[in-house]
Amino acid sequence: MKSGVWFAAGAAAGVYGMVRVRRLAEAFTPDGMRDRIGAAFVGARMFREEVAQGQAEAETHLRARLQAADARHRELAAPSTPSITRTTGTTPIDSTSTRTITTAESAALDQEGSR
């Protein structure tokens, strides 16, 4: 039984060695070299296309983030000022609430308005 196992292992190693040597010899023939060079060019082209696609996606994402930041910047740069109307001692602060102003505050608002 032992000699049969060693015979099979030797035969398998011999077949494996022959296949490896045949592939190595084929790689150094003109056709094999042409195939290897062609495969290198295909790999380089695929890598270049993947990088270009990644750059386009990153640029799109960055442009979206910059547009959102620019919109927020515009909101902060030009805040909406509440309209102040003087009717019977109250002035609206925003659209939902009002407060009563004093005479001193009214005078200060008059001075700001005349500037």
Protein backbone atom coordinates (compact mmCIF):
# COMPACT_ATOMS: atom_id res chain seq x y z
CA MET A 1 0.00 0.00 0.00
CA LYS A 2 2.83 2.38 0.88
CA SER A 3 4.59 1.94 -2.44
CA GLY A 4 1.33 2.63 -4.35
CA VAL A 5 0.86 5.95 -2.55
CA TRP A 6 4.45 6.98 -3.25
CA PHE A 7 4.06 5.95 -6.91
CA ALA A 8 0.90 8.10 -7.27
CA ALA A 9 2.54 11.05 -5.52
CA GLY A 10 5.58 10.80 -7.82
CA ALA A 11 3.42 10.59 -10.93
CA ALA A 12 1.37 13.64 -9.82
CA ALA A 13 4.55 15.61 -9.12
CA GLY A 14 5.94 14.67 -12.53
CA VAL A 15 2.76 15.77 -14.33
CA TYR A 16 2.68 19.02 -12.36
CA GLY A 17 6.35 19.73 -13.17
CA MET A 18 5.83 19.05 -16.88
CA VAL A 19 2.83 21.39 -17.05
CA ARG A 20 4.76 24.18 -15.29
CA VAL A 21 7.78 23.78 -17.60
CA ARG A 22 5.57 23.74 -20.71
CA ARG A 23 3.77 26.96 -19.59
CA LEU A 24 7.09 28.64 -18.80
CA ALA A 25 8.52 27.68 -22.19
CA GLU A 26 5.38 28.95 -23.94
CA ALA A 27 5.61 32.28 -22.09
CA PHE A 28 9.00 32.97 -23.67
CA THR A 29 7.96 32.22 -27.25
CA PRO A 30 7.08 35.18 -29.51
CA ASP A 31 3.36 34.39 -29.22
CA GLY A 32 3.61 34.07 -25.45
CA MET A 33 5.48 37.38 -25.14
CA ARG A 34 2.90 39.06 -27.41
CA ASP A 35 0.12 37.73 -25.18
CA ARG A 36 1.84 38.98 -22.02
CA ILE A 37 2.46 42.44 -23.47
CA GLY A 38 -1.13 42.62 -24.72
CA ALA A 39 -2.41 41.62 -21.28
CA ALA A 40 -0.26 44.35 -19.68
CA PHE A 41 -1.76 46.97 -22.01
CA VAL A 42 -5.29 45.75 -21.30
CA GLY A 43 -4.60 45.91 -17.56
CA ALA A 44 -3.18 49.44 -17.86
CA ARG A 45 -6.21 50.58 -19.89
CA MET A 46 -8.64 49.09 -17.37
CA PHE A 47 -6.75 50.77 -14.52
CA ARG A 48 -6.82 54.13 -16.33
CA GLU A 49 -10.58 53.81 -16.93
CA GLU A 50 -11.23 52.93 -13.28
CA VAL A 51 -9.20 55.94 -12.12
CA ALA A 52 -11.05 58.25 -14.53
CA GLN A 53 -14.40 56.92 -13.32
CA GLY A 54 -13.38 57.42 -9.69
CA GLN A 55 -12.24 60.97 -10.44
CA ALA A 56 -15.57 61.78 -12.13
CA GLU A 57 -17.54 60.42 -9.16
CA ALA A 58 -15.38 62.31 -6.69
CA GLU A 59 -15.75 65.53 -8.69
CA THR A 60 -19.54 65.15 -8.80
CA HIS A 61 -19.66 64.53 -5.05
CA LEU A 62 -17.36 67.47 -4.35
CA ARG A 63 -19.37 69.83 -6.57
CA ALA A 64 -22.58 68.86 -4.75
CA ARG A 65 -20.95 69.52 -1.37
CA LEU A 66 -19.58 72.88 -2.55
CA GLN A 67 -22.96 73.96 -3.93
CA ALA A 68 -24.61 73.10 -0.61
CA ALA A 69 -21.93 75.01 1.29
CA ASP A 70 -22.27 77.98 -1.08
CA ALA A 71 -26.03 78.07 -0.53
CA ARG A 72 -25.49 78.06 3.25
CA HIS A 73 -22.90 80.81 2.89
CA ARG A 74 -25.33 82.96 0.91
CA GLU A 75 -27.97 82.52 3.60
CA LEU A 76 -25.52 83.63 6.27
CA ALA A 77 -24.15 86.53 4.22
CA ALA A 78 -27.55 88.04 3.45
CA PRO A 79 -29.89 87.30 6.35
CA SER A 80 -33.46 88.27 5.89
CA THR A 81 -34.32 91.36 7.95
CA PRO A 82 -37.73 91.45 9.57
CA SER A 83 -39.97 94.23 8.43
CA ILE A 84 -40.71 96.68 11.22
CA THR A 85 -44.00 98.51 11.22
CA ARG A 86 -45.08 100.85 13.95
CA THR A 87 -48.69 100.47 14.83
CA THR A 88 -49.98 101.15 18.29
CA GLY A 89 -46.73 100.42 20.11
CA THR A 90 -46.01 96.90 18.83
CA THR A 91 -43.51 95.81 16.23
CA PRO A 92 -43.25 92.36 14.68
CA ILE A 93 -39.93 90.61 15.33
CA ASP A 94 -40.66 87.79 12.95
CA SER A 95 -43.74 86.36 11.35
CA THR A 96 -44.83 84.48 14.48
CA SER A 97 -44.34 86.86 17.40
CA THR A 98 -44.64 90.53 18.35
CA ARG A 99 -43.36 92.56 21.29
CA THR A 100 -44.09 95.99 22.68
CA ILE A 101 -41.35 98.55 22.17
CA THR A 102 -40.53 101.37 24.51
CA THR A 103 -40.18 105.02 23.57
CA ALA A 104 -36.38 104.78 23.81
CA GLU A 105 -36.33 101.78 21.46
CA SER A 106 -38.62 103.60 19.05
CA ALA A 107 -36.26 106.59 19.04
CA ALA A 108 -33.29 104.28 18.41
CA LEU A 109 -35.12 102.67 15.51
CA ASP A 110 -35.88 106.11 14.08
CA GLN A 111 -32.20 107.01 14.23
CA GLU A 112 -31.18 103.75 12.54
CA GLY A 113 -33.73 104.32 9.82
CA SER A 114 -32.43 107.81 9.06
CA ARG A 115 -28.84 106.61 8.52
